[in-house]
Amino acid sequence: MSDLGRKDFSDKAEEKLTPDSQKSLFDKTKEGVTDAGDKVAGSVQPSDDKSISQKLSDSTSTKPGEESYLDTAKKTVEDAVQYIEKTAEG
C-alpha cells in the first residue's frame, strides 16, 4: 500500500528486480516518469504524514549528493518529451 500520489513499494521492488534488458523502451520511460513523480511527491509530503512503508522506501532511495527531486523530475520529463518528439518525426 502506498500514500496518495506515491509509487507502491512492491512496484518499486519489481522494477528494480527486472533486468533492463527485459524492459521495453515504454517500460523504461514509464519507470523514469513515475519515479520522478514519486520523488517529487515524497519531497513535498511532510514526514509526519508518511506511512511507515513510505518512510522506509524514501530513506533507502535517497542518496547523499543526489540531484534535487525537482531537478530529477524536470530532466525525466524533458527526456520523455524528446523521446516522443523523435518518435513522432519517424
PDB file of N, CA and C in Angstrom:
ATOM      1  N   MET A   1       0.840  -1.171   0.000  1.00  0.00           N
ATOM      2  CA  MET A   1       0.000   0.000   0.000  1.00  0.00           C
ATOM      3  C   MET A   1       0.890   1.241   0.000  1.00  0.00           C
ATOM      4  N   SER A   2       0.421   2.279  -0.685  1.00  0.00           N
ATOM      5  CA  SER A   2       1.210   3.500  -0.752  1.00  0.00           C
ATOM      6  C   SER A   2       0.361   4.700  -0.375  1.00  0.00           C
ATOM      7  N   ASP A   3       1.054   5.780  -0.066  1.00  0.00           N
ATOM      8  CA  ASP A   3       0.364   7.024   0.231  1.00  0.00           C
ATOM      9  C   ASP A   3      -0.144   7.623  -1.076  1.00  0.00           C
ATOM     10  N   LEU A   4      -1.104   8.527  -0.977  1.00  0.00           N
ATOM     11  CA  LEU A   4      -1.692   9.166  -2.145  1.00  0.00           C
ATOM     12  C   LEU A   4      -0.609   9.830  -2.996  1.00  0.00           C
ATOM     13  N   GLY A   5      -0.598   9.523  -4.286  1.00  0.00           N
ATOM     14  CA  GLY A   5       0.361  10.110  -5.194  1.00  0.00           C
ATOM     15  C   GLY A   5       1.740   9.465  -5.175  1.00  0.00           C
ATOM     16  N   ARG A   6       1.883   8.398  -4.420  1.00  0.00           N
ATOM     17  CA  ARG A   6       3.185   7.745  -4.273  1.00  0.00           C
ATOM     18  C   ARG A   6       3.184   6.395  -4.970  1.00  0.00           C
ATOM     19  N   LYS A   7       4.351   5.977  -5.398  1.00  0.00           N
ATOM     20  CA  LYS A   7       4.516   4.678  -6.039  1.00  0.00           C
ATOM     21  C   LYS A   7       4.569   3.599  -4.957  1.00  0.00           C
ATOM     22  N   ASP A   8       3.837   2.528  -5.169  1.00  0.00           N
ATOM     23  CA  ASP A   8       3.779   1.431  -4.218  1.00  0.00           C
ATOM     24  C   ASP A   8       5.149   0.763  -4.091  1.00  0.00           C
ATOM     25  N   PHE A   9       5.517   0.393  -2.880  1.00  0.00           N
ATOM     26  CA  PHE A   9       6.817  -0.234  -2.626  1.00  0.00           C
ATOM     27  C   PHE A   9       7.008  -1.504  -3.441  1.00  0.00           C
ATOM     28  N   SER A  10       5.952  -2.298  -3.582  1.00  0.00           N
ATOM     29  CA  SER A  10       6.080  -3.551  -4.348  1.00  0.00           C
ATOM     30  C   SER A  10       6.346  -3.265  -5.823  1.00  0.00           C
ATOM     31  N   ASP A  11       5.766  -2.182  -6.361  1.00  0.00           N
ATOM     32  CA  ASP A  11       6.051  -1.795  -7.747  1.00  0.00           C
ATOM     33  C   ASP A  11       7.516  -1.395  -7.905  1.00  0.00           C
ATOM     34  N   LYS A  12       8.027  -0.637  -6.929  1.00  0.00           N
ATOM     35  CA  LYS A  12       9.433  -0.235  -6.971  1.00  0.00           C
ATOM     36  C   LYS A  12      10.344  -1.460  -6.951  1.00  0.00           C
ATOM     37  N   ALA A  13      10.027  -2.403  -6.082  1.00  0.00           N
ATOM     38  CA  ALA A  13      10.847  -3.612  -5.954  1.00  0.00           C
ATOM     39  C   ALA A  13      10.828  -4.418  -7.241  1.00  0.00           C
ATOM     40  N   GLU A  14       9.646  -4.566  -7.822  1.00  0.00           N
ATOM     41  CA  GLU A  14       9.524  -5.325  -9.070  1.00  0.00           C
ATOM     42  C   GLU A  14      10.335  -4.662 -10.183  1.00  0.00           C
ATOM     43  N   GLU A  15      10.283  -3.348 -10.269  1.00  0.00           N
ATOM     44  CA  GLU A  15      11.034  -2.629 -11.298  1.00  0.00           C
ATOM     45  C   GLU A  15      12.539  -2.810 -11.117  1.00  0.00           C
ATOM     46  N   LYS A  16      12.984  -2.781  -9.866  1.00  0.00           N
ATOM     47  CA  LYS A  16      14.417  -2.935  -9.596  1.00  0.00           C
ATOM     48  C   LYS A  16      14.894  -4.365  -9.883  1.00  0.00           C
ATOM     49  N   LEU A  17      14.033  -5.343  -9.653  1.00  0.00           N
ATOM     50  CA  LEU A  17      14.414  -6.740  -9.842  1.00  0.00           C
ATOM     51  C   LEU A  17      14.372  -7.192 -11.298  1.00  0.00           C
ATOM     52  N   THR A  18      13.608  -6.476 -12.133  1.00  0.00           N
ATOM     53  CA  THR A  18      13.512  -6.830 -13.545  1.00  0.00           C
ATOM     54  C   THR A  18      14.692  -6.225 -14.289  1.00  0.00           C
ATOM     55  N   PRO A  19      15.505  -7.052 -14.951  1.00  0.00           N
ATOM     56  CA  PRO A  19      16.666  -6.515 -15.683  1.00  0.00           C
ATOM     57  C   PRO A  19      16.219  -5.555 -16.794  1.00  0.00           C
ATOM     58  N   ASP A  20      16.996  -4.500 -17.025  1.00  0.00           N
ATOM     59  CA  ASP A  20      16.675  -3.542 -18.078  1.00  0.00           C
ATOM     60  C   ASP A  20      16.563  -4.210 -19.442  1.00  0.00           C
ATOM     61  N   SER A  21      17.316  -5.278 -19.634  1.00  0.00           N
ATOM     62  CA  SER A  21      17.287  -5.976 -20.928  1.00  0.00           C
ATOM     63  C   SER A  21      15.920  -6.607 -21.210  1.00  0.00           C
ATOM     64  N   GLN A  22      15.109  -6.788 -20.184  1.00  0.00           N
ATOM     65  CA  GLN A  22      13.785  -7.379 -20.352  1.00  0.00           C
ATOM     66  C   GLN A  22      12.679  -6.328 -20.382  1.00  0.00           C
ATOM     67  N   LYS A  23      13.066  -5.055 -20.352  1.00  0.00           N
ATOM     68  CA  LYS A  23      12.080  -3.978 -20.350  1.00  0.00           C
ATOM     69  C   LYS A  23      12.035  -3.315 -21.721  1.00  0.00           C
ATOM     70  N   SER A  24      10.822  -2.946 -22.126  1.00  0.00           N
ATOM     71  CA  SER A  24      10.677  -2.211 -23.382  1.00  0.00           C
ATOM     72  C   SER A  24      11.047  -0.750 -23.141  1.00  0.00           C
ATOM     73  N   LEU A  25      11.224  -0.009 -24.208  1.00  0.00           N
ATOM     74  CA  LEU A  25      11.528   1.415 -24.087  1.00  0.00           C
ATOM     75  C   LEU A  25      10.380   2.126 -23.378  1.00  0.00           C
ATOM     76  N   PHE A  26       9.152   1.710 -23.662  1.00  0.00           N
ATOM     77  CA  PHE A  26       7.995   2.293 -22.990  1.00  0.00           C
ATOM     78  C   PHE A  26       8.071   2.053 -21.486  1.00  0.00           C
ATOM     79  N   ASP A  27       8.407   0.821 -21.083  1.00  0.00           N
ATOM     80  CA  ASP A  27       8.509   0.492 -19.657  1.00  0.00           C
ATOM     81  C   ASP A  27       9.580   1.336 -18.972  1.00  0.00           C
ATOM     82  N   LYS A  28      10.727   1.491 -19.635  1.00  0.00           N
ATOM     83  CA  LYS A  28      11.814   2.290 -19.058  1.00  0.00           C
ATOM     84  C   LYS A  28      11.408   3.752 -18.907  1.00  0.00           C
ATOM     85  N   THR A  29      10.742   4.289 -19.941  1.00  0.00           N
ATOM     86  CA  THR A  29      10.292   5.682 -19.890  1.00  0.00           C
ATOM     87  C   THR A  29       9.247   5.864 -18.797  1.00  0.00           C
ATOM     88  N   LYS A  30       8.308   4.925 -18.730  1.00  0.00           N
ATOM     89  CA  LYS A  30       7.257   4.987 -17.707  1.00  0.00           C
ATOM     90  C   LYS A  30       7.866   4.953 -16.309  1.00  0.00           C
ATOM     91  N   GLU A  31       8.840   4.075 -16.102  1.00  0.00           N
ATOM     92  CA  GLU A  31       9.502   3.994 -14.796  1.00  0.00           C
ATOM     93  C   GLU A  31      10.172   5.312 -14.441  1.00  0.00           C
ATOM     94  N   GLY A  32      10.851   5.907 -15.413  1.00  0.00           N
ATOM     95  CA  GLY A  32      11.525   7.183 -15.164  1.00  0.00           C
ATOM     96  C   GLY A  32      10.562   8.273 -14.770  1.00  0.00           C
ATOM     97  N   VAL A  33       9.439   8.347 -15.466  1.00  0.00           N
ATOM     98  CA  VAL A  33       8.441   9.375 -15.168  1.00  0.00           C
ATOM     99  C   VAL A  33       7.787   9.118 -13.809  1.00  0.00           C
ATOM    100  N   THR A  34       7.406   7.863 -13.554  1.00  0.00           N
ATOM    101  CA  THR A  34       6.745   7.578 -12.274  1.00  0.00           C
ATOM    102  C   THR A  34       7.713   7.687 -11.096  1.00  0.00           C
ATOM    103  N   ASP A  35       8.987   7.343 -11.320  1.00  0.00           N
ATOM    104  CA  ASP A  35       9.990   7.513 -10.265  1.00  0.00           C
ATOM    105  C   ASP A  35      10.161   8.994  -9.923  1.00  0.00           C
ATOM    106  N   ALA A  36      10.234   9.816 -10.962  1.00  0.00           N
ATOM    107  CA  ALA A  36      10.387  11.256 -10.733  1.00  0.00           C
ATOM    108  C   ALA A  36       9.171  11.819 -10.002  1.00  0.00           C
ATOM    109  N   GLY A  37       7.992  11.391 -10.416  1.00  0.00           N
ATOM    110  CA  GLY A  37       6.771  11.846  -9.745  1.00  0.00           C
ATOM    111  C   GLY A  37       6.739  11.422  -8.288  1.00  0.00           C
ATOM    112  N   ASP A  38       7.194  10.198  -8.030  1.00  0.00           N
ATOM    113  CA  ASP A  38       7.232   9.695  -6.660  1.00  0.00           C
ATOM    114  C   ASP A  38       8.220  10.488  -5.811  1.00  0.00           C
ATOM    115  N   LYS A  39       9.358  10.820  -6.400  1.00  0.00           N
ATOM    116  CA  LYS A  39      10.355  11.599  -5.665  1.00  0.00           C
ATOM    117  C   LYS A  39       9.836  12.985  -5.319  1.00  0.00           C
ATOM    118  N   VAL A  40       9.155  13.607  -6.282  1.00  0.00           N
ATOM    119  CA  VAL A  40       8.585  14.929  -6.024  1.00  0.00           C
ATOM    120  C   VAL A  40       7.525  14.829  -4.934  1.00  0.00           C
ATOM    121  N   ALA A  41       6.633  13.847  -5.063  1.00  0.00           N
ATOM    122  CA  ALA A  41       5.576  13.677  -4.063  1.00  0.00           C
ATOM    123  C   ALA A  41       6.177  13.416  -2.682  1.00  0.00           C
ATOM    124  N   GLY A  42       7.243  12.619  -2.640  1.00  0.00           N
ATOM    125  CA  GLY A  42       7.898  12.320  -1.362  1.00  0.00           C
ATOM    126  C   GLY A  42       8.583  13.522  -0.757  1.00  0.00           C
ATOM    127  N   SER A  43       9.094  14.412  -1.614  1.00  0.00           N
ATOM    128  CA  SER A  43       9.809  15.576  -1.084  1.00  0.00           C
ATOM    129  C   SER A  43       8.871  16.648  -0.553  1.00  0.00           C
ATOM    130  N   VAL A  44       7.648  16.703  -1.065  1.00  0.00           N
ATOM    131  CA  VAL A  44       6.714  17.734  -0.593  1.00  0.00           C
ATOM    132  C   VAL A  44       5.789  17.231   0.515  1.00  0.00           C
ATOM    133  N   GLN A  45       5.722  15.924   0.691  1.00  0.00           N
ATOM    134  CA  GLN A  45       4.864  15.358   1.731  1.00  0.00           C
ATOM    135  C   GLN A  45       5.609  15.386   3.068  1.00  0.00           C
ATOM    136  N   PRO A  46       5.017  16.025   4.087  1.00  0.00           N
ATOM    137  CA  PRO A  46       5.677  16.061   5.398  1.00  0.00           C
ATOM    138  C   PRO A  46       5.923  14.651   5.939  1.00  0.00           C
ATOM    139  N   SER A  47       7.045  14.481   6.576  1.00  0.00           N
ATOM    140  CA  SER A  47       7.429  13.173   7.103  1.00  0.00           C
ATOM    141  C   SER A  47       6.380  12.604   8.063  1.00  0.00           C
ATOM    142  N   ASP A  48       5.753  13.474   8.829  1.00  0.00           N
ATOM    143  CA  ASP A  48       4.739  13.012   9.784  1.00  0.00           C
ATOM    144  C   ASP A  48       3.517  12.418   9.099  1.00  0.00           C
ATOM    145  N   ASP A  49       3.284  12.806   7.834  1.00  0.00           N
ATOM    146  CA  ASP A  49       2.116  12.321   7.106  1.00  0.00           C
ATOM    147  C   ASP A  49       2.395  11.044   6.314  1.00  0.00           C
ATOM    148  N   LYS A  50       3.640  10.583   6.314  1.00  0.00           N
ATOM    149  CA  LYS A  50       4.002   9.407   5.534  1.00  0.00           C
ATOM    150  C   LYS A  50       3.738   8.123   6.320  1.00  0.00           C
ATOM    151  N   SER A  51       3.346   7.091   5.571  1.00  0.00           N
ATOM    152  CA  SER A  51       3.196   5.782   6.198  1.00  0.00           C
ATOM    153  C   SER A  51       4.592   5.230   6.496  1.00  0.00           C
ATOM    154  N   ILE A  52       4.652   4.218   7.315  1.00  0.00           N
ATOM    155  CA  ILE A  52       5.935   3.614   7.664  1.00  0.00           C
ATOM    156  C   ILE A  52       6.628   3.069   6.417  1.00  0.00           C
ATOM    157  N   SER A  53       5.864   2.422   5.530  1.00  0.00           N
ATOM    158  CA  SER A  53       6.486   1.857   4.324  1.00  0.00           C
ATOM    159  C   SER A  53       7.043   2.957   3.423  1.00  0.00           C
ATOM    160  N   GLN A  54       6.362   4.089   3.339  1.00  0.00           N
ATOM    161  CA  GLN A  54       6.863   5.189   2.507  1.00  0.00           C
ATOM    162  C   GLN A  54       8.102   5.816   3.134  1.00  0.00           C
ATOM    163  N   LYS A  55       8.132   5.923   4.454  1.00  0.00           N
ATOM    164  CA  LYS A  55       9.334   6.453   5.124  1.00  0.00           C
ATOM    165  C   LYS A  55      10.530   5.555   4.848  1.00  0.00           C
ATOM    166  N   LEU A  56      10.322   4.240   4.943  1.00  0.00           N
ATOM    167  CA  LEU A  56      11.406   3.293   4.676  1.00  0.00           C
ATOM    168  C   LEU A  56      11.848   3.363   3.220  1.00  0.00           C
ATOM    169  N   SER A  57      10.887   3.411   2.322  1.00  0.00           N
ATOM    170  CA  SER A  57      11.201   3.481   0.902  1.00  0.00           C
ATOM    171  C   SER A  57      11.974   4.756   0.578  1.00  0.00           C
ATOM    172  N   ASP A  58      11.543   5.880   1.134  1.00  0.00           N
ATOM    173  CA  ASP A  58      12.230   7.153   0.895  1.00  0.00           C
ATOM    174  C   ASP A  58      13.643   7.131   1.453  1.00  0.00           C
ATOM    175  N   SER A  59      13.810   6.547   2.619  1.00  0.00           N
ATOM    176  CA  SER A  59      15.131   6.549   3.247  1.00  0.00           C
ATOM    177  C   SER A  59      16.115   5.660   2.495  1.00  0.00           C
ATOM    178  N   THR A  60      15.621   4.633   1.817  1.00  0.00           N
ATOM    179  CA  THR A  60      16.522   3.755   1.074  1.00  0.00           C
ATOM    180  C   THR A  60      16.773   4.244  -0.339  1.00  0.00           C
ATOM    181  N   SER A  61      15.914   5.117  -0.878  1.00  0.00           N
ATOM    182  CA  SER A  61      16.086   5.558  -2.257  1.00  0.00           C
ATOM    183  C   SER A  61      16.786   6.903  -2.376  1.00  0.00           C
ATOM    184  N   THR A  62      16.971   7.607  -1.282  1.00  0.00           N
ATOM    185  CA  THR A  62      17.634   8.904  -1.314  1.00  0.00           C
ATOM    186  C   THR A  62      19.099   8.730  -0.944  1.00  0.00           C
ATOM    187  N   LYS A  63      19.969   9.237  -1.794  1.00  0.00           N
ATOM    188  CA  LYS A  63      21.404   9.107  -1.571  1.00  0.00           C
ATOM    189  C   LYS A  63      22.013  10.483  -1.350  1.00  0.00           C
ATOM    190  N   PRO A  64      23.025  10.580  -0.495  1.00  0.00           N
ATOM    191  CA  PRO A  64      23.695  11.857  -0.297  1.00  0.00           C
ATOM    192  C   PRO A  64      24.295  12.362  -1.609  1.00  0.00           C
ATOM    193  N   GLY A  65      24.169  13.653  -1.858  1.00  0.00           N
ATOM    194  CA  GLY A  65      24.715  14.253  -3.067  1.00  0.00           C
ATOM    195  C   GLY A  65      23.856  14.049  -4.298  1.00  0.00           C
ATOM    196  N   GLU A  66      22.687  13.440  -4.124  1.00  0.00           N
ATOM    197  CA  GLU A  66      21.789  13.192  -5.243  1.00  0.00           C
ATOM    198  C   GLU A  66      21.168  14.503  -5.706  1.00  0.00           C
ATOM    199  N   GLU A  67      20.849  14.592  -7.010  1.00  0.00           N
ATOM    200  CA  GLU A  67      20.169  15.778  -7.533  1.00  0.00           C
ATOM    201  C   GLU A  67      18.888  16.008  -6.749  1.00  0.00           C
ATOM    202  N   SER A  68      18.428  17.247  -6.742  1.00  0.00           N
ATOM    203  CA  SER A  68      17.153  17.517  -6.070  1.00  0.00           C
ATOM    204  C   SER A  68      16.052  16.767  -6.807  1.00  0.00           C
ATOM    205  N   TYR A  69      14.989  16.464  -6.110  1.00  0.00           N
ATOM    206  CA  TYR A  69      13.883  15.724  -6.707  1.00  0.00           C
ATOM    207  C   TYR A  69      13.274  16.508  -7.865  1.00  0.00           C
ATOM    208  N   LEU A  70      13.193  17.807  -7.705  1.00  0.00           N
ATOM    209  CA  LEU A  70      12.618  18.635  -8.752  1.00  0.00           C
ATOM    210  C   LEU A  70      13.492  18.604 -10.007  1.00  0.00           C
ATOM    211  N   ASP A  71      14.810  18.660  -9.848  1.00  0.00           N
ATOM    212  CA  ASP A  71      15.722  18.591 -10.990  1.00  0.00           C
ATOM    213  C   ASP A  71      15.598  17.243 -11.690  1.00  0.00           C
ATOM    214  N   THR A  72      15.505  16.180 -10.910  1.00  0.00           N
ATOM    215  CA  THR A  72      15.364  14.841 -11.473  1.00  0.00           C
ATOM    216  C   THR A  72      14.050  14.733 -12.249  1.00  0.00           C
ATOM    217  N   ALA A  73      12.983  15.243 -11.680  1.00  0.00           N
ATOM    218  CA  ALA A  73      11.675  15.199 -12.343  1.00  0.00           C
ATOM    219  C   ALA A  73      11.707  15.999 -13.645  1.00  0.00           C
ATOM    220  N   LYS A  74      12.302  17.166 -13.582  1.00  0.00           N
ATOM    221  CA  LYS A  74      12.381  18.013 -14.772  1.00  0.00           C
ATOM    222  C   LYS A  74      13.152  17.309 -15.885  1.00  0.00           C
ATOM    223  N   LYS A  75      14.282  16.715 -15.554  1.00  0.00           N
ATOM    224  CA  LYS A  75      15.095  16.022 -16.556  1.00  0.00           C
ATOM    225  C   LYS A  75      14.337  14.832 -17.138  1.00  0.00           C
ATOM    226  N   THR A  76      13.636  14.103 -16.308  1.00  0.00           N
ATOM    227  CA  THR A  76      12.887  12.939 -16.781  1.00  0.00           C
ATOM    228  C   THR A  76      11.783  13.354 -17.745  1.00  0.00           C
ATOM    229  N   VAL A  77      11.082  14.426 -17.408  1.00  0.00           N
ATOM    230  CA  VAL A  77      10.019  14.915 -18.287  1.00  0.00           C
ATOM    231  C   VAL A  77      10.621  15.405 -19.605  1.00  0.00           C
ATOM    232  N   GLU A  78      11.730  16.126 -19.529  1.00  0.00           N
ATOM    233  CA  GLU A  78      12.392  16.591 -20.754  1.00  0.00           C
ATOM    234  C   GLU A  78      12.815  15.419 -21.629  1.00  0.00           C
ATOM    235  N   ASP A  79      13.360  14.380 -21.020  1.00  0.00           N
ATOM    236  CA  ASP A  79      13.767  13.190 -21.768  1.00  0.00           C
ATOM    237  C   ASP A  79      12.565  12.520 -22.429  1.00  0.00           C
ATOM    238  N   ALA A  80      11.454  12.449 -21.714  1.00  0.00           N
ATOM    239  CA  ALA A  80      10.242  11.833 -22.263  1.00  0.00           C
ATOM    240  C   ALA A  80       9.715  12.645 -23.450  1.00  0.00           C
ATOM    241  N   VAL A  81       9.738  13.969 -23.336  1.00  0.00           N
ATOM    242  CA  VAL A  81       9.280  14.832 -24.425  1.00  0.00           C
ATOM    243  C   VAL A  81      10.175  14.652 -25.649  1.00  0.00           C
ATOM    244  N   GLN A  82      11.475  14.595 -25.429  1.00  0.00           N
ATOM    245  CA  GLN A  82      12.408  14.387 -26.547  1.00  0.00           C
ATOM    246  C   GLN A  82      12.161  13.044 -27.223  1.00  0.00           C
ATOM    247  N   TYR A  83      11.906  12.023 -26.441  1.00  0.00           N
ATOM    248  CA  TYR A  83      11.628  10.703 -27.000  1.00  0.00           C
ATOM    249  C   TYR A  83      10.362  10.736 -27.852  1.00  0.00           C
ATOM    250  N   ILE A  84       9.324  11.377 -27.341  1.00  0.00           N
ATOM    251  CA  ILE A  84       8.057  11.457 -28.064  1.00  0.00           C
ATOM    252  C   ILE A  84       8.231  12.248 -29.360  1.00  0.00           C
ATOM    253  N   GLU A  85       8.988  13.340 -29.291  1.00  0.00           N
ATOM    254  CA  GLU A  85       9.222  14.139 -30.495  1.00  0.00           C
ATOM    255  C   GLU A  85       9.984  13.336 -31.536  1.00  0.00           C
ATOM    256  N   LYS A  86      10.998  12.590 -31.125  1.00  0.00           N
ATOM    257  CA  LYS A  86      11.772  11.764 -32.065  1.00  0.00           C
ATOM    258  C   LYS A  86      10.890  10.687 -32.684  1.00  0.00           C
ATOM    259  N   THR A  87      10.040  10.088 -31.873  1.00  0.00           N
ATOM    260  CA  THR A  87       9.153   9.031 -32.362  1.00  0.00           C
ATOM    261  C   THR A  87       8.144   9.603 -33.354  1.00  0.00           C
ATOM    262  N   ALA A  88       7.620  10.782 -33.066  1.00  0.00           N
ATOM    263  CA  ALA A  88       6.624  11.405 -33.950  1.00  0.00           C
ATOM    264  C   ALA A  88       7.244  11.804 -35.294  1.00  0.00           C
ATOM    265  N   GLU A  89       8.521  12.182 -35.279  1.00  0.00           N
ATOM    266  CA  GLU A  89       9.203  12.582 -36.516  1.00  0.00           C
ATOM    267  C   GLU A  89       9.468  11.381 -37.417  1.00  0.00           C
ATOM    268  N   GLY A  90       9.581  10.229 -36.809  1.00  0.00           N
ATOM    269  CA  GLY A  90       9.793   8.999 -37.576  1.00  0.00           C
ATOM    270  C   GLY A  90      11.171   8.702 -37.786  1.00  0.00           C
TER     271      GLY A  90
END
